[in-house]
PDB file of N, CA and C in Angstrom:
ATOM      1  N   UNK A   1       0.819  -1.201   0.000  1.00  0.00           N
ATOM      2  CA  UNK A   1       0.000   0.000   0.000  1.00  0.00           C
ATOM      3  C   UNK A   1       0.860   1.260   0.000  1.00  0.00           C
ATOM      4  N   UNK A   2       2.126   1.144   0.316  1.00  0.00           N
ATOM      5  CA  UNK A   2       2.990   2.319   0.284  1.00  0.00           C
ATOM      6  C   UNK A   2       3.084   2.921  -1.103  1.00  0.00           C
ATOM      7  N   UNK A   3       3.143   2.063  -2.120  1.00  0.00           N
ATOM      8  CA  UNK A   3       3.204   2.565  -3.489  1.00  0.00           C
ATOM      9  C   UNK A   3       1.879   3.198  -3.904  1.00  0.00           C
ATOM     10  N   UNK A   4       0.770   2.711  -3.353  1.00  0.00           N
ATOM     11  CA  UNK A   4      -0.527   3.326  -3.617  1.00  0.00           C
ATOM     12  C   UNK A   4      -0.558   4.752  -3.063  1.00  0.00           C
ATOM     13  N   UNK A   5       0.002   4.943  -1.884  1.00  0.00           N
ATOM     14  CA  UNK A   5       0.074   6.277  -1.301  1.00  0.00           C
ATOM     15  C   UNK A   5       0.926   7.217  -2.135  1.00  0.00           C
ATOM     16  N   UNK A   6       2.035   6.707  -2.661  1.00  0.00           N
ATOM     17  CA  UNK A   6       2.901   7.531  -3.516  1.00  0.00           C
ATOM     18  C   UNK A   6       2.190   7.904  -4.812  1.00  0.00           C
ATOM     19  N   UNK A   7       1.527   6.942  -5.427  1.00  0.00           N
ATOM     20  CA  UNK A   7       0.804   7.219  -6.666  1.00  0.00           C
ATOM     21  C   UNK A   7      -0.318   8.228  -6.424  1.00  0.00           C
ATOM     22  N   UNK A   8      -1.008   8.086  -5.298  1.00  0.00           N
ATOM     23  CA  UNK A   8      -2.067   9.021  -4.929  1.00  0.00           C
ATOM     24  C   UNK A   8      -1.502  10.428  -4.755  1.00  0.00           C
ATOM     25  N   UNK A   9      -0.388  10.523  -4.053  1.00  0.00           N
ATOM     26  CA  UNK A   9       0.223  11.835  -3.821  1.00  0.00           C
ATOM     27  C   UNK A   9       0.672  12.471  -5.122  1.00  0.00           C
ATOM     28  N   UNK A  10       1.367  11.720  -5.937  1.00  0.00           N
ATOM     29  CA  UNK A  10       1.914  12.279  -7.172  1.00  0.00           C
ATOM     30  C   UNK A  10       0.801  12.713  -8.118  1.00  0.00           C
ATOM     31  N   UNK A  11      -0.209  11.892  -8.271  1.00  0.00           N
ATOM     32  CA  UNK A  11      -1.266  12.220  -9.234  1.00  0.00           C
ATOM     33  C   UNK A  11      -2.180  13.341  -8.767  1.00  0.00           C
ATOM     34  N   UNK A  12      -2.550  13.346  -7.526  1.00  0.00           N
ATOM     35  CA  UNK A  12      -3.496  14.347  -7.032  1.00  0.00           C
ATOM     36  C   UNK A  12      -2.790  15.593  -6.511  1.00  0.00           C
ATOM     37  N   UNK A  13      -1.908  15.406  -5.558  1.00  0.00           N
ATOM     38  CA  UNK A  13      -1.304  16.559  -4.896  1.00  0.00           C
ATOM     39  C   UNK A  13      -0.240  17.255  -5.721  1.00  0.00           C
ATOM     40  N   UNK A  14       0.346  16.555  -6.684  1.00  0.00           N
ATOM     41  CA  UNK A  14       1.301  17.209  -7.579  1.00  0.00           C
ATOM     42  C   UNK A  14       0.631  18.300  -8.387  1.00  0.00           C
ATOM     43  N   UNK A  15      -0.492  17.945  -8.992  1.00  0.00           N
ATOM     44  CA  UNK A  15      -1.251  18.937  -9.753  1.00  0.00           C
ATOM     45  C   UNK A  15      -1.819  20.032  -8.866  1.00  0.00           C
ATOM     46  N   UNK A  16      -2.274  19.651  -7.684  1.00  0.00           N
ATOM     47  CA  UNK A  16      -2.811  20.651  -6.758  1.00  0.00           C
ATOM     48  C   UNK A  16      -1.721  21.619  -6.300  1.00  0.00           C
ATOM     49  N   UNK A  17      -0.506  21.114  -6.097  1.00  0.00           N
ATOM     50  CA  UNK A  17       0.600  21.983  -5.668  1.00  0.00           C
ATOM     51  C   UNK A  17       0.938  23.011  -6.740  1.00  0.00           C
ATOM     52  N   UNK A  18       0.947  22.581  -7.988  1.00  0.00           N
ATOM     53  CA  UNK A  18       1.217  23.515  -9.086  1.00  0.00           C
ATOM     54  C   UNK A  18       0.100  24.550  -9.169  1.00  0.00           C
ATOM     55  N   UNK A  19      -1.149  24.101  -9.083  1.00  0.00           N
ATOM     56  CA  UNK A  19      -2.268  25.030  -9.126  1.00  0.00           C
ATOM     57  C   UNK A  19      -2.209  26.005  -7.953  1.00  0.00           C
ATOM     58  N   UNK A  20      -1.921  25.483  -6.758  1.00  0.00           N
ATOM     59  CA  UNK A  20      -1.893  26.319  -5.559  1.00  0.00           C
ATOM     60  C   UNK A  20      -0.826  27.398  -5.663  1.00  0.00           C
ATOM     61  N   UNK A  21       0.315  27.061  -6.237  1.00  0.00           N
ATOM     62  CA  UNK A  21       1.400  28.033  -6.372  1.00  0.00           C
ATOM     63  C   UNK A  21       1.066  29.066  -7.442  1.00  0.00           C
ATOM     64  N   UNK A  22       0.586  28.621  -8.595  1.00  0.00           N
ATOM     65  CA  UNK A  22       0.398  29.531  -9.722  1.00  0.00           C
ATOM     66  C   UNK A  22      -0.895  30.328  -9.654  1.00  0.00           C
ATOM     67  N   UNK A  23      -1.989  29.687  -9.282  1.00  0.00           N
ATOM     68  CA  UNK A  23      -3.299  30.343  -9.343  1.00  0.00           C
ATOM     69  C   UNK A  23      -3.884  30.596  -7.962  1.00  0.00           C
ATOM     70  N   UNK A  24      -3.680  29.667  -7.040  1.00  0.00           N
ATOM     71  CA  UNK A  24      -4.296  29.765  -5.727  1.00  0.00           C
ATOM     72  C   UNK A  24      -3.615  30.730  -4.777  1.00  0.00           C
ATOM     73  N   UNK A  25      -2.399  31.141  -5.094  1.00  0.00           N
ATOM     74  CA  UNK A  25      -1.712  32.114  -4.257  1.00  0.00           C
ATOM     75  C   UNK A  25      -1.097  31.552  -2.989  1.00  0.00           C
ATOM     76  N   UNK A  26      -0.920  30.238  -2.911  1.00  0.00           N
ATOM     77  CA  UNK A  26      -0.277  29.641  -1.732  1.00  0.00           C
ATOM     78  C   UNK A  26       1.234  29.604  -1.932  1.00  0.00           C
ATOM     79  N   UNK A  27       1.998  29.890  -0.907  1.00  0.00           N
ATOM     80  CA  UNK A  27       3.458  29.959  -1.054  1.00  0.00           C
ATOM     81  C   UNK A  27       4.139  28.591  -0.979  1.00  0.00           C
ATOM     82  N   UNK A  28       3.821  27.692  -1.901  1.00  0.00           N
ATOM     83  CA  UNK A  28       4.354  26.331  -1.870  1.00  0.00           C
ATOM     84  C   UNK A  28       5.878  26.340  -1.995  1.00  0.00           C
ATOM     85  N   UNK A  29       6.401  27.149  -2.893  1.00  0.00           N
ATOM     86  CA  UNK A  29       7.855  27.221  -3.075  1.00  0.00           C
ATOM     87  C   UNK A  29       8.538  27.763  -1.815  1.00  0.00           C
ATOM     88  N   UNK A  30       7.930  28.702  -1.156  1.00  0.00           N
ATOM     89  CA  UNK A  30       8.463  29.234   0.100  1.00  0.00           C
ATOM     90  C   UNK A  30       8.440  28.170   1.187  1.00  0.00           C
ATOM     91  N   UNK A  31       7.372  27.384   1.255  1.00  0.00           N
ATOM     92  CA  UNK A  31       7.302  26.289   2.225  1.00  0.00           C
ATOM     93  C   UNK A  31       8.432  25.301   1.992  1.00  0.00           C
ATOM     94  N   UNK A  32       8.724  25.020   0.705  1.00  0.00           N
ATOM     95  CA  UNK A  32       9.803  24.088   0.372  1.00  0.00           C
ATOM     96  C   UNK A  32      11.158  24.628   0.817  1.00  0.00           C
ATOM     97  N   UNK A  33      11.401  25.905   0.572  1.00  0.00           N
ATOM     98  CA  UNK A  33      12.717  26.463   0.892  1.00  0.00           C
ATOM     99  C   UNK A  33      12.897  26.678   2.397  1.00  0.00           C
ATOM    100  N   UNK A  34      11.828  27.004   3.110  1.00  0.00           N
ATOM    101  CA  UNK A  34      11.947  27.263   4.547  1.00  0.00           C
ATOM    102  C   UNK A  34      11.889  25.994   5.395  1.00  0.00           C
ATOM    103  N   UNK A  35      10.971  25.086   5.078  1.00  0.00           N
ATOM    104  CA  UNK A  35      10.760  23.942   5.946  1.00  0.00           C
ATOM    105  C   UNK A  35      11.088  22.596   5.348  1.00  0.00           C
ATOM    106  N   UNK A  36      11.357  22.548   4.049  1.00  0.00           N
ATOM    107  CA  UNK A  36      11.664  21.290   3.402  1.00  0.00           C
ATOM    108  C   UNK A  36      10.424  20.618   2.836  1.00  0.00           C
ATOM    109  N   UNK A  37      10.649  19.441   2.273  1.00  0.00           N
ATOM    110  CA  UNK A  37       9.578  18.716   1.593  1.00  0.00           C
ATOM    111  C   UNK A  37       8.466  18.293   2.543  1.00  0.00           C
ATOM    112  N   UNK A  38       8.820  17.779   3.700  1.00  0.00           N
ATOM    113  CA  UNK A  38       7.809  17.300   4.642  1.00  0.00           C
ATOM    114  C   UNK A  38       6.888  18.434   5.082  1.00  0.00           C
ATOM    115  N   UNK A  39       7.469  19.564   5.410  1.00  0.00           N
ATOM    116  CA  UNK A  39       6.675  20.725   5.828  1.00  0.00           C
ATOM    117  C   UNK A  39       5.760  21.186   4.700  1.00  0.00           C
ATOM    118  N   UNK A  40       6.264  21.194   3.468  1.00  0.00           N
ATOM    119  CA  UNK A  40       5.460  21.631   2.334  1.00  0.00           C
ATOM    120  C   UNK A  40       4.290  20.680   2.083  1.00  0.00           C
ATOM    121  N   UNK A  41       4.543  19.375   2.183  1.00  0.00           N
ATOM    122  CA  UNK A  41       3.478  18.395   1.955  1.00  0.00           C
ATOM    123  C   UNK A  41       2.396  18.516   3.019  1.00  0.00           C
ATOM    124  N   UNK A  42       2.792  18.591   4.280  1.00  0.00           N
ATOM    125  CA  UNK A  42       1.813  18.704   5.370  1.00  0.00           C
ATOM    126  C   UNK A  42       1.036  20.015   5.241  1.00  0.00           C
ATOM    127  N   UNK A  43       1.708  21.099   4.944  1.00  0.00           N
ATOM    128  CA  UNK A  43       1.026  22.390   4.795  1.00  0.00           C
ATOM    129  C   UNK A  43       0.052  22.369   3.637  1.00  0.00           C
ATOM    130  N   UNK A  44       0.451  21.731   2.539  1.00  0.00           N
ATOM    131  CA  UNK A  44      -0.429  21.648   1.371  1.00  0.00           C
ATOM    132  C   UNK A  44      -1.655  20.802   1.669  1.00  0.00           C
ATOM    133  N   UNK A  45      -1.482  19.679   2.341  1.00  0.00           N
ATOM    134  CA  UNK A  45      -2.619  18.822   2.680  1.00  0.00           C
ATOM    135  C   UNK A  45      -3.573  19.551   3.627  1.00  0.00           C
ATOM    136  N   UNK A  46      -3.041  20.335   4.536  1.00  0.00           N
ATOM    137  CA  UNK A  46      -3.900  21.050   5.482  1.00  0.00           C
ATOM    138  C   UNK A  46      -4.688  22.179   4.831  1.00  0.00           C
ATOM    139  N   UNK A  47      -4.320  22.601   3.626  1.00  0.00           N
ATOM    140  CA  UNK A  47      -5.099  23.630   2.935  1.00  0.00           C
ATOM    141  C   UNK A  47      -6.328  23.060   2.250  1.00  0.00           C
ATOM    142  N   UNK A  48      -6.397  21.733   2.125  1.00  0.00           N
ATOM    143  CA  UNK A  48      -7.566  21.093   1.517  1.00  0.00           C
ATOM    144  C   UNK A  48      -8.776  21.224   2.443  1.00  0.00           C
ATOM    145  N   UNK A  49      -9.979  21.137   1.880  1.00  0.00           N
ATOM    146  CA  UNK A  49     -11.179  21.269   2.711  1.00  0.00           C
ATOM    147  C   UNK A  49     -11.251  20.260   3.859  1.00  0.00           C
ATOM    148  N   UNK A  50     -10.704  19.068   3.662  1.00  0.00           N
ATOM    149  CA  UNK A  50     -10.760  18.066   4.723  1.00  0.00           C
ATOM    150  C   UNK A  50      -9.730  18.324   5.817  1.00  0.00           C
ATOM    151  N   UNK A  51      -8.711  19.137   5.536  1.00  0.00           N
ATOM    152  CA  UNK A  51      -7.737  19.541   6.544  1.00  0.00           C
ATOM    153  C   UNK A  51      -7.001  18.387   7.189  1.00  0.00           C
ATOM    154  N   UNK A  52      -7.111  18.283   8.505  1.00  0.00           N
ATOM    155  CA  UNK A  52      -6.381  17.261   9.252  1.00  0.00           C
ATOM    156  C   UNK A  52      -6.894  15.845   8.972  1.00  0.00           C
ATOM    157  N   UNK A  53      -8.162  15.721   8.598  1.00  0.00           N
ATOM    158  CA  UNK A  53      -8.684  14.402   8.244  1.00  0.00           C
ATOM    159  C   UNK A  53      -7.971  13.889   6.996  1.00  0.00           C
ATOM    160  N   UNK A  54      -7.746  14.760   6.038  1.00  0.00           N
ATOM    161  CA  UNK A  54      -7.005  14.387   4.837  1.00  0.00           C
ATOM    162  C   UNK A  54      -5.578  13.998   5.151  1.00  0.00           C
ATOM    163  N   UNK A  55      -4.973  14.679   6.112  1.00  0.00           N
ATOM    164  CA  UNK A  55      -3.615  14.350   6.527  1.00  0.00           C
ATOM    165  C   UNK A  55      -3.568  12.963   7.158  1.00  0.00           C
ATOM    166  N   UNK A  56      -4.518  12.655   7.996  1.00  0.00           N
ATOM    167  CA  UNK A  56      -4.570  11.333   8.630  1.00  0.00           C
ATOM    168  C   UNK A  56      -4.787  10.249   7.575  1.00  0.00           C
ATOM    169  N   UNK A  57      -5.696  10.481   6.646  1.00  0.00           N
ATOM    170  CA  UNK A  57      -5.932   9.503   5.586  1.00  0.00           C
ATOM    171  C   UNK A  57      -4.693   9.295   4.729  1.00  0.00           C
ATOM    172  N   UNK A  58      -4.002  10.365   4.417  1.00  0.00           N
ATOM    173  CA  UNK A  58      -2.767  10.248   3.638  1.00  0.00           C
ATOM    174  C   UNK A  58      -1.724   9.429   4.379  1.00  0.00           C
ATOM    175  N   UNK A  59      -1.574   9.662   5.667  1.00  0.00           N
ATOM    176  CA  UNK A  59      -0.595   8.897   6.451  1.00  0.00           C
ATOM    177  C   UNK A  59      -0.967   7.417   6.534  1.00  0.00           C
ATOM    178  N   UNK A  60      -2.254   7.134   6.667  1.00  0.00           N
ATOM    179  CA  UNK A  60      -2.692   5.729   6.719  1.00  0.00           C
ATOM    180  C   UNK A  60      -2.400   5.040   5.382  1.00  0.00           C
ATOM    181  N   UNK A  61      -2.742   5.693   4.286  1.00  0.00           N
ATOM    182  CA  UNK A  61      -2.491   5.117   2.967  1.00  0.00           C
ATOM    183  C   UNK A  61      -0.993   4.955   2.734  1.00  0.00           C
ATOM    184  N   UNK A  62      -0.219   5.925   3.152  1.00  0.00           N
ATOM    185  CA  UNK A  62       1.223   5.923   2.897  1.00  0.00           C
ATOM    186  C   UNK A  62       1.942   4.790   3.603  1.00  0.00           C
ATOM    187  N   UNK A  63       1.575   4.479   4.816  1.00  0.00           N
ATOM    188  CA  UNK A  63       2.344   3.541   5.609  1.00  0.00           C
ATOM    189  C   UNK A  63       1.732   2.151   5.745  1.00  0.00           C
ATOM    190  N   UNK A  64       0.534   1.933   5.261  1.00  0.00           N
ATOM    191  CA  UNK A  64      -0.077   0.605   5.376  1.00  0.00           C
ATOM    192  C   UNK A  64      -0.473   0.052   4.057  1.00  0.00           C
TER     193      UNK A  64
END
């Protein structure tokens, strides 16, 4: 299931990250430079409507 989590992240959140940076006005590139990849991923997931629930679901998919 770890590869399923990676595929989910790349397909969904990759496009969302590009949209968020270019059109949505979120400082994704700044998050990357200040806090690294982990901080940017968590911050991006928390901007989704599901917020922390989405973060928990992502962690469950990623590690199981």
